[in-house]
């Protein structure tokens, strides 16, 4: 509440997280920092291991993007071991401050693909004797039968190496959102071959920006959805689907809005 130009409501930030799944080197990671309550103006700032974010961090692949007065995003398109650490977002206005922290653990060095077991028939085999190919080999031992090689057809097959998308879990947070507040969710696709398409839907219907809903993109692997302010009409199940030539995957999150604002 405001009395004249006096700010009396301190900021409140939504919880933020890098997700429950491990993050390997080369994966994409991101955080969204959202002010759900608090009088404007509100200043948002990022800290990495207790130090303020500086523009030179962008050279290490850590990017910050502010969207409006209540939202700021931090993204790392290709994580490395050096990105492991504590990331904090802090919101400040004349009435007070609030902060949220998330820890990023980047696992190991990147693997060149996956270790799989491929079982197949032997389609070709050759023997060399005295630098010349032989069609049969006779053993001098009478107890061992001869080995005869019969002509066979051969074919070389290369298995496809396309990787389908893997979508991280979505969440609007653990608590219901009050009507008139802001809500946001981030869709991150850390794995999957390009080109890739990311789309949103609500209760099974394709969703575009409009009616208080803003859909944005951070790089090629992160899509953001924010609602400010939320109303009862925004309650529902929101789904993010990522697709490429190898397949598709989706994750959903339920938004429950409390209050009477339509």
Protein backbone atom coordinates (compact mmCIF):
# COMPACT_ATOMS: atom_id res chain seq x y z
CA UNK A 1 0.00 0.00 0.00
CA UNK A 2 1.16 3.53 -0.75
CA UNK A 3 0.43 6.76 1.09
CA UNK A 4 1.26 9.52 -1.33
CA UNK A 5 4.70 8.78 -2.73
CA UNK A 6 5.85 6.76 0.28
CA UNK A 7 6.72 3.14 -0.47
CA UNK A 8 5.46 0.84 2.29
CA UNK A 9 5.44 -2.64 0.69
CA UNK A 10 8.85 -4.37 0.50
CA UNK A 11 9.61 -6.71 -2.41
CA UNK A 12 8.92 -10.44 -2.30
CA UNK A 13 10.67 -12.79 -4.74
CA UNK A 14 9.42 -16.14 -6.00
CA UNK A 15 11.59 -19.16 -5.25
CA UNK A 16 14.06 -20.05 -7.99
CA UNK A 17 15.92 -23.24 -8.86
CA UNK A 18 18.11 -24.81 -11.53
CA UNK A 19 15.83 -27.87 -11.36
CA UNK A 20 16.09 -31.33 -9.86
CA UNK A 21 18.05 -33.02 -12.67
CA UNK A 22 21.87 -33.02 -12.78
CA UNK A 23 23.46 -30.54 -15.18
CA UNK A 24 26.33 -31.84 -17.29
CA UNK A 25 28.97 -29.75 -19.01
CA UNK A 26 27.55 -28.43 -22.27
CA UNK A 27 23.94 -28.38 -21.02
CA UNK A 28 21.86 -25.20 -20.81
CA UNK A 29 20.99 -23.77 -17.38
CA UNK A 30 18.82 -20.83 -16.40
CA UNK A 31 17.11 -18.99 -13.56
CA UNK A 32 14.16 -16.62 -13.46
CA UNK A 33 13.97 -13.95 -10.78
CA UNK A 34 10.44 -12.61 -10.35
CA UNK A 35 9.01 -9.98 -8.01
CA UNK A 36 5.57 -11.23 -6.98
CA UNK A 37 4.87 -8.39 -4.51
CA UNK A 38 6.31 -5.00 -3.69
CA UNK A 39 5.93 -1.36 -4.59
CA UNK A 40 7.82 0.11 -7.50
CA UNK A 41 10.46 1.10 -8.21
CA UNK A 42 12.24 -2.18 -7.48
CA UNK A 43 15.90 -2.75 -8.38
CA UNK A 44 16.97 -6.29 -9.31
CA UNK A 45 20.59 -7.41 -9.03
CA UNK A 46 22.43 -10.72 -9.49
CA UNK A 47 25.33 -12.07 -7.43
CA UNK A 48 27.60 -15.03 -8.23
CA UNK A 49 29.36 -16.54 -5.23
CA UNK A 50 28.61 -13.36 -3.31
CA UNK A 51 30.05 -11.01 -5.94
CA UNK A 52 27.90 -8.64 -8.01
CA UNK A 53 27.31 -9.73 -11.60
CA UNK A 54 29.44 -7.72 -14.01
CA UNK A 55 29.30 -7.41 -17.75
CA UNK A 56 32.53 -9.39 -18.17
CA UNK A 57 30.58 -12.41 -16.90
CA UNK A 58 28.95 -12.43 -20.33
CA UNK A 59 32.33 -13.42 -21.78
CA UNK A 60 32.13 -16.56 -19.61
CA UNK A 61 28.72 -17.37 -21.06
CA UNK A 62 26.58 -16.03 -18.18
CA UNK A 63 23.91 -13.69 -19.55
CA UNK A 64 21.39 -11.53 -17.69
CA UNK A 65 18.24 -10.25 -19.38
CA UNK A 66 15.73 -7.97 -17.63
CA UNK A 67 12.13 -8.17 -18.80
CA UNK A 68 10.00 -5.31 -17.49
CA UNK A 69 10.07 -4.02 -13.92
CA UNK A 70 9.43 -7.34 -12.18
CA UNK A 71 11.42 -9.96 -14.06
CA UNK A 72 15.08 -10.79 -14.67
CA UNK A 73 16.58 -13.92 -16.25
CA UNK A 74 20.03 -15.45 -15.93
CA UNK A 75 21.06 -18.01 -18.55
CA UNK A 76 24.13 -20.11 -19.32
CA UNK A 77 23.83 -21.59 -22.80
CA UNK A 78 26.69 -24.10 -22.48
CA UNK A 79 27.68 -24.82 -18.89
CA UNK A 80 31.25 -25.55 -17.87
CA UNK A 81 32.82 -26.68 -14.61
CA UNK A 82 33.79 -23.09 -13.84
CA UNK A 83 30.09 -22.13 -13.70
CA UNK A 84 29.58 -24.22 -10.55
CA UNK A 85 28.62 -21.93 -7.67
CA UNK A 86 25.92 -20.00 -5.81
CA UNK A 87 23.69 -17.64 -7.78
CA UNK A 88 21.60 -15.05 -5.94
CA UNK A 89 18.99 -12.56 -7.11
CA UNK A 90 18.25 -9.59 -4.87
CA UNK A 91 15.31 -7.17 -5.09
CA UNK A 92 15.43 -3.81 -3.32
CA UNK A 93 13.08 -0.88 -2.92
CA UNK A 94 12.73 1.94 -0.38
CA UNK A 95 10.82 -0.34 2.01
CA UNK A 96 13.27 -3.23 2.14
CA UNK A 97 14.82 -6.09 0.22
CA UNK A 98 14.43 -9.80 -0.49
CA UNK A 99 16.69 -12.38 -2.11
CA UNK A 100 16.57 -15.92 -3.48
CA UNK A 101 19.52 -18.27 -3.98
CA UNK A 102 20.14 -21.31 -6.19
CA UNK A 103 23.22 -23.53 -6.36
CA UNK A 104 24.51 -24.80 -9.70
CA UNK A 105 26.54 -28.02 -9.78
CA UNK A 106 28.03 -28.80 -13.19
CA UNK A 107 28.96 -32.46 -13.50
CA UNK A 108 32.06 -33.79 -15.22
CA UNK A 109 33.45 -33.25 -18.67
CA UNK A 110 31.26 -33.64 -21.73
CA UNK A 111 31.00 -37.13 -23.20
CA UNK A 112 31.14 -37.57 -26.95
CA UNK A 113 27.81 -39.34 -27.25
CA UNK A 114 26.62 -42.26 -25.18
CA UNK A 115 28.02 -45.75 -24.56
CA UNK A 116 25.56 -48.19 -26.11
CA UNK A 117 25.71 -51.91 -26.88
CA UNK A 118 24.95 -52.67 -30.52
CA UNK A 119 24.35 -56.34 -31.38
CA UNK A 120 24.56 -57.32 -35.06
CA UNK A 121 25.40 -60.20 -37.39
CA UNK A 122 28.86 -60.52 -38.93
CA UNK A 123 28.41 -59.81 -42.63
CA UNK A 124 32.00 -59.95 -43.83
CA UNK A 125 35.18 -61.68 -42.72
CA UNK A 126 38.48 -62.19 -44.56
CA UNK A 127 41.71 -64.09 -43.95
CA UNK A 128 45.17 -63.16 -45.20
CA UNK A 129 47.93 -65.74 -45.68
CA UNK A 130 51.34 -64.79 -47.05
CA UNK A 131 49.93 -61.33 -47.85
CA UNK A 132 47.26 -62.86 -50.09
CA UNK A 133 43.55 -63.44 -49.34
CA UNK A 134 42.50 -67.07 -48.96
CA UNK A 135 39.09 -68.68 -49.48
CA UNK A 136 39.69 -71.72 -47.24
CA UNK A 137 42.11 -72.89 -44.61
CA UNK A 138 42.95 -76.57 -44.06
CA UNK A 139 44.43 -77.65 -40.78
CA UNK A 140 47.13 -80.37 -40.83
CA UNK A 141 45.52 -81.98 -37.78
CA UNK A 142 43.06 -84.72 -38.76
CA UNK A 143 40.90 -83.97 -35.72
CA UNK A 144 40.12 -80.39 -36.76
CA UNK A 145 37.68 -79.90 -39.66
CA UNK A 146 38.60 -77.40 -42.36
CA UNK A 147 37.24 -73.84 -42.23
CA UNK A 148 35.60 -72.83 -45.47
CA UNK A 149 34.55 -69.26 -46.28
CA UNK A 150 31.54 -68.89 -48.57
CA UNK A 151 30.90 -65.72 -50.56
CA UNK A 152 28.28 -63.51 -48.88
CA UNK A 153 26.65 -60.16 -49.55
CA UNK A 154 27.54 -57.22 -47.33
CA UNK A 155 25.92 -53.91 -46.51
CA UNK A 156 27.15 -50.98 -44.44
CA UNK A 157 24.53 -49.32 -42.23
CA UNK A 158 25.14 -46.18 -40.15
CA UNK A 159 22.64 -45.79 -37.27
CA UNK A 160 21.01 -42.35 -36.88
CA UNK A 161 22.60 -40.12 -34.25
CA UNK A 162 19.79 -37.57 -33.75
CA UNK A 163 19.00 -36.66 -30.14
CA UNK A 164 15.40 -35.93 -29.11
CA UNK A 165 14.65 -32.99 -26.79
CA UNK A 166 14.75 -33.36 -23.00
CA UNK A 167 12.59 -30.77 -21.21
CA UNK A 168 13.30 -29.82 -17.59
CA UNK A 169 10.44 -29.87 -15.08
CA UNK A 170 8.17 -26.80 -14.95
CA UNK A 171 6.84 -25.08 -11.84
CA UNK A 172 5.01 -21.89 -10.87
CA UNK A 173 6.22 -22.47 -7.30
CA UNK A 174 4.75 -24.34 -4.36
CA UNK A 175 2.26 -21.68 -3.25
CA UNK A 176 -0.93 -20.52 -5.02
CA UNK A 177 -0.73 -17.11 -6.70
CA UNK A 178 -3.05 -14.33 -5.56
CA UNK A 179 -5.03 -12.42 -8.16
CA UNK A 180 -3.26 -9.22 -9.10
CA UNK A 181 0.23 -10.64 -8.51
CA UNK A 182 2.72 -11.77 -11.14
CA UNK A 183 3.47 -15.36 -12.15
CA UNK A 184 6.12 -16.85 -14.40
CA UNK A 185 7.48 -20.20 -15.52
CA UNK A 186 10.59 -21.10 -17.49
CA UNK A 187 10.91 -23.94 -20.01
CA UNK A 188 14.47 -25.17 -20.40
CA UNK A 189 15.59 -27.79 -22.94
CA UNK A 190 19.15 -28.74 -21.91
CA UNK A 191 19.47 -31.60 -24.42
CA UNK A 192 18.36 -32.19 -28.01
CA UNK A 193 19.57 -31.52 -31.54
CA UNK A 194 18.89 -28.31 -33.42
CA UNK A 195 16.81 -27.02 -35.08
CA UNK A 196 14.24 -27.19 -32.30
CA UNK A 197 10.78 -25.68 -31.83
CA UNK A 198 9.38 -24.77 -28.39
CA UNK A 199 5.65 -24.12 -28.04
CA UNK A 200 3.26 -23.39 -25.16
CA UNK A 201 -0.32 -24.49 -24.57
CA UNK A 202 -2.91 -23.97 -21.82
CA UNK A 203 -5.41 -26.72 -21.05
CA UNK A 204 -4.55 -28.31 -24.40
CA UNK A 205 -4.99 -25.14 -26.49
CA UNK A 206 -2.04 -23.45 -28.23
CA UNK A 207 -0.98 -20.30 -26.40
CA UNK A 208 0.42 -17.06 -27.77
CA UNK A 209 1.35 -13.74 -26.17
CA UNK A 210 -1.67 -11.64 -25.22
CA UNK A 211 -4.32 -11.15 -22.51
CA UNK A 212 -1.65 -10.50 -19.90
CA UNK A 213 0.49 -13.44 -21.04
CA UNK A 214 3.96 -12.73 -22.38
CA UNK A 215 6.00 -15.47 -24.07
CA UNK A 216 9.69 -14.84 -24.67
CA UNK A 217 12.85 -16.67 -25.68
CA UNK A 218 16.32 -16.76 -24.17
CA UNK A 219 18.67 -18.27 -26.72
CA UNK A 220 17.63 -21.44 -28.54
CA UNK A 221 16.91 -23.66 -25.54
CA UNK A 222 14.90 -21.57 -23.06
CA UNK A 223 11.38 -20.18 -23.44
CA UNK A 224 9.74 -18.02 -20.78
CA UNK A 225 6.08 -17.44 -19.95
CA UNK A 226 5.05 -14.60 -17.63
CA UNK A 227 1.64 -13.28 -16.55
CA UNK A 228 1.31 -9.83 -14.98
CA UNK A 229 -1.12 -9.36 -13.40
CA UNK A 230 -2.77 -12.76 -13.00
CA UNK A 231 -6.54 -13.22 -12.83
CA UNK A 232 -8.89 -16.14 -12.32
CA UNK A 233 -9.00 -16.69 -16.09
CA UNK A 234 -5.31 -17.56 -16.02
CA UNK A 235 -5.82 -20.62 -13.80
CA UNK A 236 -5.10 -23.86 -15.62
CA UNK A 237 -2.52 -26.35 -16.82
CA UNK A 238 0.36 -24.86 -18.83
CA UNK A 239 2.42 -27.16 -21.06
CA UNK A 240 5.73 -26.58 -22.82
CA UNK A 241 6.54 -28.89 -25.72
CA UNK A 242 9.91 -29.07 -27.50
CA UNK A 243 10.18 -30.82 -30.88
CA UNK A 244 12.88 -31.66 -33.38
CA UNK A 245 13.38 -34.26 -36.12
CA UNK A 246 14.23 -36.94 -33.55
CA UNK A 247 11.09 -36.56 -31.45
CA UNK A 248 9.34 -34.38 -28.89
CA UNK A 249 8.89 -34.07 -25.15
CA UNK A 250 6.68 -31.92 -22.92
CA UNK A 251 6.37 -30.83 -19.30
CA UNK A 252 3.38 -29.24 -17.57
CA UNK A 253 2.73 -27.03 -14.54
CA UNK A 254 -0.54 -26.12 -12.83
CA UNK A 255 -1.29 -22.48 -12.02
CA UNK A 256 -3.86 -21.88 -9.27
CA UNK A 257 -5.01 -18.29 -8.83
CA UNK A 258 -6.71 -17.18 -5.61
CA UNK A 259 -8.98 -14.14 -5.49
CA UNK A 260 -11.76 -12.49 -7.41
CA UNK A 261 -9.95 -10.45 -10.05
CA UNK A 262 -11.38 -11.76 -13.38
